[in-house]
Amino acid sequence: MQENELPIIVGRISGVYGVRGWLKVNSYTRPKENIFTYLPLMMQVNNAWQAIDLEETRQSGGGRLLVKMSGVDNPDEASGYIHCDLAVSREQLPPLTEGEFYWHDLIGLDVFNQDEISLGKVKNVAETGANDVLVISGAGDNKARILIPLIMEMYVKQVDLIAKTMHVDWQIDE
């Protein structure tokens, strides 16, 4: 499977809920309820991504997202799915306009500062509340992790998905 064909992780099963086999879902979408707009969801089973059949989805009174998978009718069966990632195919995502990108498109980009010094690669994007933060794993002599606010035009100057590069306004500490 090529990289652009790999499923895109949109959530994870975080636990069992109740006695009828319901599962708690940790959604990575915004808003979190949007995970249920991307049906069918896929789950990796026996090293292969497979669509899962959901009988029902809902939100508990406390705002927790829940799913009921077909054929999973008790907590023992449900517990086997804890920590399983939930994914969708790229075709299920809405198209983006010019200059927009999904977080997963940023992972692996080579990051350069305004002096063309390589800062490393984007390893992750973290949600902090105030703004999202790029987690850069250092390059060359700089093995430290670098955190850069994901604020376009202020810190992130250019994202080139074709060249797999990102240019940022960021100085490294020496």
N, C-alpha and C. Protein backbone atom coordinates (compact mmCIF):
# COMPACT_ATOMS: atom_id res chain seq x y z
N MET A 1 0.85 -1.18 0.00
CA MET A 1 0.00 0.00 0.00
C MET A 1 0.89 1.24 0.00
N GLN A 2 0.66 2.17 -0.91
CA GLN A 2 1.44 3.39 -0.98
C GLN A 2 1.05 4.34 0.14
N GLU A 3 1.95 5.28 0.45
CA GLU A 3 1.72 6.20 1.56
C GLU A 3 0.42 6.98 1.41
N ASN A 4 0.11 7.46 0.17
CA ASN A 4 -1.10 8.24 -0.01
C ASN A 4 -2.37 7.39 0.02
N GLU A 5 -2.22 6.07 0.04
CA GLU A 5 -3.36 5.17 0.13
C GLU A 5 -3.60 4.68 1.56
N LEU A 6 -2.67 4.97 2.45
CA LEU A 6 -2.82 4.51 3.83
C LEU A 6 -4.02 5.20 4.47
N PRO A 7 -4.76 4.47 5.29
CA PRO A 7 -5.89 5.10 5.98
C PRO A 7 -5.42 6.23 6.89
N ILE A 8 -6.30 7.18 7.12
CA ILE A 8 -6.00 8.32 7.95
C ILE A 8 -6.66 8.11 9.30
N ILE A 9 -5.86 8.09 10.35
CA ILE A 9 -6.36 7.84 11.70
C ILE A 9 -7.20 9.03 12.15
N VAL A 10 -8.45 8.77 12.55
CA VAL A 10 -9.35 9.84 12.99
C VAL A 10 -9.82 9.64 14.43
N GLY A 11 -9.40 8.55 15.05
CA GLY A 11 -9.81 8.31 16.43
C GLY A 11 -9.25 7.00 16.94
N ARG A 12 -9.64 6.68 18.18
CA ARG A 12 -9.15 5.46 18.82
C ARG A 12 -10.17 4.98 19.82
N ILE A 13 -10.30 3.66 19.93
CA ILE A 13 -11.16 3.06 20.94
C ILE A 13 -10.43 3.20 22.27
N SER A 14 -11.08 3.84 23.25
CA SER A 14 -10.39 4.11 24.52
C SER A 14 -10.88 3.27 25.69
N GLY A 15 -12.00 2.56 25.52
CA GLY A 15 -12.47 1.75 26.63
C GLY A 15 -13.84 1.15 26.35
N VAL A 16 -14.30 0.40 27.31
CA VAL A 16 -15.61 -0.25 27.24
C VAL A 16 -16.61 0.58 28.02
N TYR A 17 -17.85 0.60 27.55
CA TYR A 17 -18.90 1.37 28.21
C TYR A 17 -20.11 0.47 28.42
N GLY A 18 -20.49 0.25 29.64
CA GLY A 18 -21.69 -0.52 29.95
C GLY A 18 -21.51 -2.02 29.79
N VAL A 19 -22.64 -2.73 29.81
CA VAL A 19 -22.62 -4.20 29.81
C VAL A 19 -23.06 -4.81 28.49
N ARG A 20 -23.36 -3.98 27.49
CA ARG A 20 -23.86 -4.49 26.21
C ARG A 20 -22.84 -4.41 25.08
N GLY A 21 -21.58 -4.14 25.41
CA GLY A 21 -20.53 -4.14 24.39
C GLY A 21 -20.27 -2.81 23.72
N TRP A 22 -20.79 -1.73 24.29
CA TRP A 22 -20.50 -0.41 23.73
C TRP A 22 -19.04 -0.06 23.98
N LEU A 23 -18.48 0.76 23.10
CA LEU A 23 -17.09 1.18 23.20
C LEU A 23 -16.99 2.70 23.26
N LYS A 24 -16.05 3.20 24.06
CA LYS A 24 -15.76 4.63 24.14
C LYS A 24 -14.81 4.99 23.00
N VAL A 25 -15.05 6.14 22.39
CA VAL A 25 -14.23 6.59 21.26
C VAL A 25 -13.56 7.92 21.60
N ASN A 26 -12.26 7.97 21.40
CA ASN A 26 -11.51 9.22 21.49
C ASN A 26 -11.35 9.73 20.07
N SER A 27 -12.04 10.82 19.73
CA SER A 27 -12.03 11.35 18.36
C SER A 27 -10.95 12.39 18.19
N TYR A 28 -10.28 12.35 17.02
CA TYR A 28 -9.27 13.35 16.68
C TYR A 28 -9.82 14.40 15.73
N THR A 29 -11.11 14.34 15.43
CA THR A 29 -11.71 15.30 14.52
C THR A 29 -12.19 16.53 15.27
N ARG A 30 -12.43 17.61 14.53
CA ARG A 30 -12.98 18.82 15.12
C ARG A 30 -14.24 19.19 14.38
N PRO A 31 -15.35 19.39 15.01
CA PRO A 31 -15.59 18.99 16.38
C PRO A 31 -15.54 17.47 16.49
N LYS A 32 -15.42 16.99 17.70
CA LYS A 32 -15.19 15.56 17.91
C LYS A 32 -16.29 14.69 17.32
N GLU A 33 -17.53 15.20 17.26
CA GLU A 33 -18.66 14.41 16.74
C GLU A 33 -18.52 14.14 15.24
N ASN A 34 -17.67 14.90 14.56
CA ASN A 34 -17.51 14.72 13.12
C ASN A 34 -16.99 13.34 12.75
N ILE A 35 -16.40 12.64 13.69
CA ILE A 35 -15.90 11.30 13.38
C ILE A 35 -17.02 10.42 12.82
N PHE A 36 -18.25 10.68 13.25
CA PHE A 36 -19.37 9.85 12.79
C PHE A 36 -19.89 10.26 11.42
N THR A 37 -19.35 11.32 10.83
CA THR A 37 -19.74 11.70 9.47
C THR A 37 -18.90 11.00 8.43
N TYR A 38 -17.87 10.28 8.86
CA TYR A 38 -16.94 9.62 7.94
C TYR A 38 -17.16 8.12 7.87
N LEU A 39 -18.39 7.69 7.93
CA LEU A 39 -18.67 6.27 7.88
C LEU A 39 -18.55 5.76 6.45
N PRO A 40 -18.04 4.54 6.21
CA PRO A 40 -17.66 3.59 7.25
C PRO A 40 -16.27 3.89 7.81
N LEU A 41 -16.14 3.63 9.10
CA LEU A 41 -14.84 3.70 9.75
C LEU A 41 -14.12 2.38 9.51
N MET A 42 -12.79 2.45 9.54
CA MET A 42 -11.98 1.24 9.40
C MET A 42 -11.20 1.00 10.68
N MET A 43 -10.87 -0.27 10.91
CA MET A 43 -10.06 -0.67 12.06
C MET A 43 -9.06 -1.70 11.56
N GLN A 44 -7.86 -1.66 12.12
CA GLN A 44 -6.85 -2.63 11.71
C GLN A 44 -7.06 -3.93 12.47
N VAL A 45 -7.36 -4.98 11.71
CA VAL A 45 -7.58 -6.31 12.29
C VAL A 45 -6.67 -7.29 11.55
N ASN A 46 -5.87 -8.04 12.30
CA ASN A 46 -4.92 -8.98 11.71
C ASN A 46 -4.04 -8.31 10.65
N ASN A 47 -3.51 -7.14 10.99
CA ASN A 47 -2.60 -6.38 10.12
C ASN A 47 -3.23 -5.91 8.81
N ALA A 48 -4.55 -5.89 8.73
CA ALA A 48 -5.22 -5.39 7.52
C ALA A 48 -6.34 -4.43 7.95
N TRP A 49 -6.46 -3.33 7.22
CA TRP A 49 -7.53 -2.37 7.50
C TRP A 49 -8.83 -2.89 6.93
N GLN A 50 -9.86 -2.92 7.78
CA GLN A 50 -11.17 -3.42 7.37
C GLN A 50 -12.25 -2.45 7.83
N ALA A 51 -13.29 -2.29 6.99
CA ALA A 51 -14.43 -1.48 7.39
C ALA A 51 -15.13 -2.20 8.54
N ILE A 52 -15.58 -1.44 9.51
CA ILE A 52 -16.30 -2.04 10.63
C ILE A 52 -17.78 -1.67 10.52
N ASP A 53 -18.61 -2.61 10.92
CA ASP A 53 -20.05 -2.43 10.85
C ASP A 53 -20.54 -1.91 12.20
N LEU A 54 -21.02 -0.67 12.20
CA LEU A 54 -21.52 -0.07 13.43
C LEU A 54 -23.03 -0.16 13.46
N GLU A 55 -23.56 -0.73 14.56
CA GLU A 55 -25.01 -0.78 14.75
C GLU A 55 -25.54 0.60 15.11
N GLU A 56 -24.77 1.31 15.95
CA GLU A 56 -25.25 2.59 16.46
C GLU A 56 -24.08 3.43 16.94
N THR A 57 -24.25 4.75 16.85
CA THR A 57 -23.29 5.70 17.43
C THR A 57 -24.10 6.68 18.26
N ARG A 58 -23.48 7.19 19.31
CA ARG A 58 -24.18 8.19 20.13
C ARG A 58 -23.19 8.92 21.02
N GLN A 59 -23.72 9.97 21.65
CA GLN A 59 -22.94 10.74 22.60
C GLN A 59 -23.62 10.61 23.95
N SER A 60 -22.86 10.25 24.97
CA SER A 60 -23.43 10.10 26.30
C SER A 60 -23.78 11.47 26.87
N GLY A 61 -24.50 11.48 27.98
CA GLY A 61 -24.88 12.73 28.63
C GLY A 61 -23.68 13.58 28.99
N GLY A 62 -22.55 12.95 29.29
CA GLY A 62 -21.33 13.69 29.64
C GLY A 62 -20.50 14.09 28.43
N GLY A 63 -21.02 13.85 27.24
CA GLY A 63 -20.29 14.25 26.03
C GLY A 63 -19.36 13.19 25.47
N ARG A 64 -19.30 12.03 26.09
CA ARG A 64 -18.43 10.96 25.63
C ARG A 64 -19.02 10.33 24.36
N LEU A 65 -18.18 10.07 23.37
CA LEU A 65 -18.62 9.42 22.14
C LEU A 65 -18.60 7.91 22.32
N LEU A 66 -19.66 7.27 21.83
CA LEU A 66 -19.81 5.82 22.00
C LEU A 66 -20.19 5.17 20.67
N VAL A 67 -19.73 3.93 20.48
CA VAL A 67 -20.12 3.14 19.32
C VAL A 67 -20.51 1.75 19.76
N LYS A 68 -21.45 1.18 19.00
CA LYS A 68 -21.85 -0.22 19.20
C LYS A 68 -21.55 -0.94 17.90
N MET A 69 -20.57 -1.85 17.94
CA MET A 69 -20.20 -2.62 16.76
C MET A 69 -21.08 -3.85 16.64
N SER A 70 -21.45 -4.19 15.41
CA SER A 70 -22.23 -5.40 15.17
C SER A 70 -21.46 -6.62 15.65
N GLY A 71 -22.16 -7.50 16.35
CA GLY A 71 -21.56 -8.74 16.83
C GLY A 71 -20.77 -8.63 18.11
N VAL A 72 -20.66 -7.42 18.65
CA VAL A 72 -19.96 -7.22 19.93
C VAL A 72 -21.03 -6.87 20.95
N ASP A 73 -21.34 -7.87 21.81
CA ASP A 73 -22.52 -7.73 22.67
C ASP A 73 -22.25 -7.77 24.16
N ASN A 74 -20.97 -7.81 24.56
CA ASN A 74 -20.68 -7.81 25.99
C ASN A 74 -19.30 -7.19 26.23
N PRO A 75 -19.03 -6.82 27.47
CA PRO A 75 -17.76 -6.15 27.77
C PRO A 75 -16.53 -6.99 27.45
N ASP A 76 -16.62 -8.31 27.61
CA ASP A 76 -15.46 -9.15 27.31
C ASP A 76 -15.09 -9.08 25.83
N GLU A 77 -16.09 -9.17 24.95
CA GLU A 77 -15.83 -9.06 23.52
C GLU A 77 -15.32 -7.66 23.18
N ALA A 78 -15.93 -6.65 23.77
CA ALA A 78 -15.58 -5.26 23.48
C ALA A 78 -14.15 -4.94 23.93
N SER A 79 -13.69 -5.51 25.02
CA SER A 79 -12.36 -5.18 25.55
C SER A 79 -11.24 -5.53 24.58
N GLY A 80 -11.47 -6.43 23.66
CA GLY A 80 -10.46 -6.78 22.66
C GLY A 80 -10.18 -5.67 21.66
N TYR A 81 -11.02 -4.65 21.64
CA TYR A 81 -10.85 -3.54 20.70
C TYR A 81 -10.26 -2.28 21.32
N ILE A 82 -10.03 -2.32 22.64
CA ILE A 82 -9.43 -1.17 23.31
C ILE A 82 -8.06 -0.88 22.70
N HIS A 83 -7.77 0.37 22.45
CA HIS A 83 -6.53 0.88 21.86
C HIS A 83 -6.44 0.65 20.35
N CYS A 84 -7.51 0.21 19.72
CA CYS A 84 -7.50 0.08 18.26
C CYS A 84 -7.78 1.45 17.63
N ASP A 85 -7.00 1.77 16.61
CA ASP A 85 -7.20 3.02 15.89
C ASP A 85 -8.39 2.91 14.97
N LEU A 86 -9.07 4.04 14.77
CA LEU A 86 -10.17 4.15 13.81
C LEU A 86 -9.68 5.04 12.68
N ALA A 87 -9.96 4.65 11.46
CA ALA A 87 -9.42 5.38 10.31
C ALA A 87 -10.46 5.50 9.20
N VAL A 88 -10.14 6.38 8.25
CA VAL A 88 -10.95 6.56 7.04
C VAL A 88 -10.00 6.62 5.86
N SER A 89 -10.54 6.45 4.67
CA SER A 89 -9.73 6.63 3.46
C SER A 89 -9.68 8.12 3.14
N ARG A 90 -8.67 8.53 2.45
CA ARG A 90 -8.50 9.94 2.10
C ARG A 90 -9.70 10.47 1.31
N GLU A 91 -10.31 9.62 0.50
CA GLU A 91 -11.45 10.03 -0.33
C GLU A 91 -12.66 10.42 0.52
N GLN A 92 -12.72 9.97 1.76
CA GLN A 92 -13.85 10.30 2.63
C GLN A 92 -13.74 11.70 3.23
N LEU A 93 -12.56 12.29 3.16
CA LEU A 93 -12.36 13.63 3.74
C LEU A 93 -12.84 14.70 2.77
N PRO A 94 -13.35 15.81 3.29
CA PRO A 94 -13.77 16.89 2.42
C PRO A 94 -12.57 17.48 1.67
N PRO A 95 -12.79 17.93 0.44
CA PRO A 95 -11.68 18.55 -0.29
C PRO A 95 -11.28 19.86 0.37
N LEU A 96 -10.02 20.22 0.20
CA LEU A 96 -9.48 21.43 0.80
C LEU A 96 -9.33 22.51 -0.26
N THR A 97 -9.34 23.75 0.18
CA THR A 97 -9.08 24.86 -0.73
C THR A 97 -7.58 25.14 -0.75
N GLU A 98 -7.18 25.98 -1.68
CA GLU A 98 -5.77 26.35 -1.83
C GLU A 98 -5.22 26.85 -0.50
N GLY A 99 -4.06 26.35 -0.10
CA GLY A 99 -3.41 26.79 1.12
C GLY A 99 -3.85 26.05 2.37
N GLU A 100 -4.84 25.17 2.26
CA GLU A 100 -5.27 24.36 3.41
C GLU A 100 -4.61 23.00 3.33
N PHE A 101 -4.49 22.36 4.49
CA PHE A 101 -3.93 21.01 4.55
C PHE A 101 -4.42 20.33 5.80
N TYR A 102 -4.39 19.01 5.77
CA TYR A 102 -4.72 18.22 6.95
C TYR A 102 -3.44 17.99 7.75
N TRP A 103 -3.60 17.84 9.06
CA TRP A 103 -2.43 17.59 9.93
C TRP A 103 -1.59 16.43 9.41
N HIS A 104 -2.24 15.34 9.02
CA HIS A 104 -1.46 14.16 8.61
C HIS A 104 -0.59 14.45 7.39
N ASP A 105 -0.95 15.48 6.60
CA ASP A 105 -0.12 15.86 5.45
C ASP A 105 1.18 16.52 5.90
N LEU A 106 1.21 17.07 7.12
CA LEU A 106 2.40 17.75 7.61
C LEU A 106 3.43 16.79 8.19
N ILE A 107 2.97 15.64 8.66
CA ILE A 107 3.88 14.67 9.29
C ILE A 107 4.92 14.22 8.26
N GLY A 108 6.19 14.32 8.64
CA GLY A 108 7.28 13.89 7.78
C GLY A 108 7.88 14.99 6.92
N LEU A 109 7.28 16.19 6.92
CA LEU A 109 7.86 17.27 6.13
C LEU A 109 9.20 17.70 6.73
N ASP A 110 10.16 18.02 5.85
CA ASP A 110 11.43 18.58 6.28
C ASP A 110 11.21 20.05 6.59
N VAL A 111 11.70 20.50 7.76
CA VAL A 111 11.46 21.87 8.21
C VAL A 111 12.77 22.65 8.15
N PHE A 112 12.68 23.84 7.51
CA PHE A 112 13.83 24.73 7.39
C PHE A 112 13.45 26.09 7.95
N ASN A 113 14.44 26.75 8.59
CA ASN A 113 14.15 28.11 9.07
C ASN A 113 14.49 29.12 7.99
N GLN A 114 14.37 30.40 8.31
CA GLN A 114 14.58 31.47 7.34
C GLN A 114 16.03 31.53 6.84
N ASP A 115 16.97 30.91 7.56
CA ASP A 115 18.37 30.85 7.14
C ASP A 115 18.69 29.56 6.39
N GLU A 116 17.62 28.81 6.01
CA GLU A 116 17.74 27.53 5.29
C GLU A 116 18.48 26.47 6.12
N ILE A 117 18.43 26.61 7.44
CA ILE A 117 18.99 25.59 8.32
C ILE A 117 17.92 24.55 8.59
N SER A 118 18.28 23.29 8.41
CA SER A 118 17.33 22.21 8.64
C SER A 118 17.08 22.06 10.14
N LEU A 119 15.81 22.14 10.53
CA LEU A 119 15.44 21.96 11.94
C LEU A 119 15.02 20.53 12.22
N GLY A 120 14.77 19.75 11.19
CA GLY A 120 14.36 18.36 11.35
C GLY A 120 13.09 18.08 10.58
N LYS A 121 12.36 17.10 11.05
CA LYS A 121 11.11 16.69 10.40
C LYS A 121 9.94 16.86 11.36
N VAL A 122 8.77 17.14 10.80
CA VAL A 122 7.55 17.21 11.61
C VAL A 122 7.22 15.78 12.04
N LYS A 123 7.20 15.54 13.34
CA LYS A 123 6.87 14.22 13.88
C LYS A 123 5.42 14.13 14.30
N ASN A 124 4.85 15.29 14.70
CA ASN A 124 3.48 15.28 15.21
C ASN A 124 2.96 16.71 15.22
N VAL A 125 1.65 16.83 15.36
CA VAL A 125 1.02 18.12 15.60
C VAL A 125 0.21 17.96 16.88
N ALA A 126 0.46 18.80 17.85
CA ALA A 126 -0.21 18.70 19.15
C ALA A 126 -1.23 19.81 19.29
N GLU A 127 -2.38 19.44 19.82
CA GLU A 127 -3.43 20.42 20.09
C GLU A 127 -3.24 20.91 21.52
N THR A 128 -3.09 22.23 21.69
CA THR A 128 -2.81 22.77 23.02
C THR A 128 -3.93 23.63 23.57
N GLY A 129 -4.92 23.95 22.77
CA GLY A 129 -5.99 24.82 23.21
C GLY A 129 -5.85 26.19 22.61
N ALA A 130 -4.75 26.89 22.92
CA ALA A 130 -4.54 28.23 22.38
C ALA A 130 -4.28 28.15 20.88
N ASN A 131 -3.37 27.30 20.48
CA ASN A 131 -3.07 27.05 19.07
C ASN A 131 -2.40 25.70 18.96
N ASP A 132 -2.40 25.14 17.78
CA ASP A 132 -1.74 23.87 17.56
C ASP A 132 -0.23 24.08 17.52
N VAL A 133 0.52 23.03 17.82
CA VAL A 133 1.97 23.13 17.89
C VAL A 133 2.59 22.01 17.06
N LEU A 134 3.56 22.40 16.22
CA LEU A 134 4.32 21.43 15.45
C LEU A 134 5.40 20.83 16.35
N VAL A 135 5.52 19.52 16.34
CA VAL A 135 6.57 18.84 17.09
C VAL A 135 7.61 18.40 16.06
N ILE A 136 8.79 19.03 16.13
CA ILE A 136 9.86 18.78 15.17
C ILE A 136 10.95 17.97 15.84
N SER A 137 11.34 16.88 15.20
CA SER A 137 12.46 16.10 15.73
C SER A 137 13.71 16.64 15.05
N GLY A 138 14.69 17.05 15.86
CA GLY A 138 15.87 17.76 15.39
C GLY A 138 16.70 17.03 14.37
N ALA A 139 17.45 17.81 13.60
CA ALA A 139 18.33 17.28 12.55
C ALA A 139 19.78 17.60 12.89
N GLY A 140 20.70 16.89 12.28
CA GLY A 140 22.13 17.15 12.44
C GLY A 140 22.57 17.06 13.88
N ASP A 141 23.31 18.10 14.32
CA ASP A 141 23.81 18.13 15.70
C ASP A 141 22.70 18.44 16.70
N ASN A 142 21.59 18.98 16.21
CA ASN A 142 20.50 19.36 17.09
C ASN A 142 19.50 18.20 17.19
N LYS A 143 19.67 17.35 18.17
CA LYS A 143 18.80 16.20 18.34
C LYS A 143 17.60 16.50 19.24
N ALA A 144 17.54 17.72 19.75
CA ALA A 144 16.46 18.09 20.65
C ALA A 144 15.15 18.24 19.88
N ARG A 145 14.07 18.06 20.58
CA ARG A 145 12.75 18.27 20.01
C ARG A 145 12.47 19.77 20.00
N ILE A 146 11.92 20.25 18.90
CA ILE A 146 11.59 21.66 18.77
C ILE A 146 10.07 21.77 18.67
N LEU A 147 9.51 22.72 19.40
CA LEU A 147 8.06 22.96 19.36
C LEU A 147 7.84 24.34 18.74
N ILE A 148 7.05 24.37 17.66
CA ILE A 148 6.80 25.61 16.94
C ILE A 148 5.29 25.79 16.83
N PRO A 149 4.77 26.95 17.25
CA PRO A 149 3.33 27.18 17.10
C PRO A 149 2.92 27.09 15.63
N LEU A 150 1.84 26.39 15.37
CA LEU A 150 1.34 26.24 14.00
C LEU A 150 0.45 27.44 13.70
N ILE A 151 1.10 28.57 13.49
CA ILE A 151 0.40 29.80 13.16
C ILE A 151 0.93 30.25 11.80
N MET A 152 0.05 30.15 10.80
CA MET A 152 0.43 30.48 9.44
C MET A 152 0.79 31.96 9.35
N GLU A 153 1.76 32.25 8.53
CA GLU A 153 2.29 33.58 8.24
C GLU A 153 3.13 34.16 9.37
N MET A 154 2.77 33.88 10.63
CA MET A 154 3.60 34.37 11.73
C MET A 154 4.84 33.48 11.89
N TYR A 155 4.65 32.18 12.07
CA TYR A 155 5.77 31.26 12.24
C TYR A 155 5.92 30.33 11.03
N VAL A 156 4.83 29.82 10.52
CA VAL A 156 4.89 28.94 9.35
C VAL A 156 4.72 29.80 8.12
N LYS A 157 5.80 29.91 7.36
CA LYS A 157 5.82 30.80 6.21
C LYS A 157 5.39 30.10 4.92
N GLN A 158 5.75 28.84 4.78
CA GLN A 158 5.42 28.13 3.54
C GLN A 158 5.34 26.64 3.81
N VAL A 159 4.32 26.01 3.24
CA VAL A 159 4.18 24.56 3.27
C VAL A 159 4.10 24.10 1.82
N ASP A 160 5.04 23.22 1.44
CA ASP A 160 5.05 22.68 0.08
C ASP A 160 4.91 21.17 0.19
N LEU A 161 3.68 20.69 -0.01
CA LEU A 161 3.42 19.25 0.14
C LEU A 161 4.06 18.45 -0.97
N ILE A 162 4.25 19.04 -2.14
CA ILE A 162 4.88 18.31 -3.25
C ILE A 162 6.36 18.11 -2.97
N ALA A 163 7.03 19.17 -2.53
CA ALA A 163 8.47 19.07 -2.20
C ALA A 163 8.70 18.47 -0.82
N LYS A 164 7.61 18.30 -0.04
CA LYS A 164 7.66 17.77 1.32
C LYS A 164 8.53 18.63 2.23
N THR A 165 8.34 19.95 2.11
CA THR A 165 9.11 20.89 2.93
C THR A 165 8.20 21.92 3.59
N MET A 166 8.70 22.48 4.66
CA MET A 166 8.03 23.57 5.37
C MET A 166 9.09 24.58 5.73
N HIS A 167 8.80 25.86 5.52
CA HIS A 167 9.71 26.92 5.91
C HIS A 167 9.05 27.70 7.05
N VAL A 168 9.84 27.94 8.10
CA VAL A 168 9.34 28.60 9.29
C VAL A 168 10.24 29.77 9.68
N ASP A 169 9.66 30.70 10.42
CA ASP A 169 10.43 31.80 11.00
C ASP A 169 10.75 31.38 12.42
N TRP A 170 11.93 30.76 12.59
CA TRP A 170 12.29 30.21 13.90
C TRP A 170 13.80 30.14 14.02
N GLN A 171 14.31 30.65 15.11
CA GLN A 171 15.75 30.57 15.40
C GLN A 171 16.01 29.40 16.34
N ILE A 172 17.10 28.70 16.09
CA ILE A 172 17.47 27.62 17.00
C ILE A 172 18.41 28.16 18.06
N ASP A 173 18.25 27.66 19.28
CA ASP A 173 19.12 28.08 20.39
C ASP A 173 20.48 27.46 20.21
N GLU A 174 21.49 28.24 20.47
CA GLU A 174 22.86 27.71 20.33
C GLU A 174 23.57 27.75 21.64
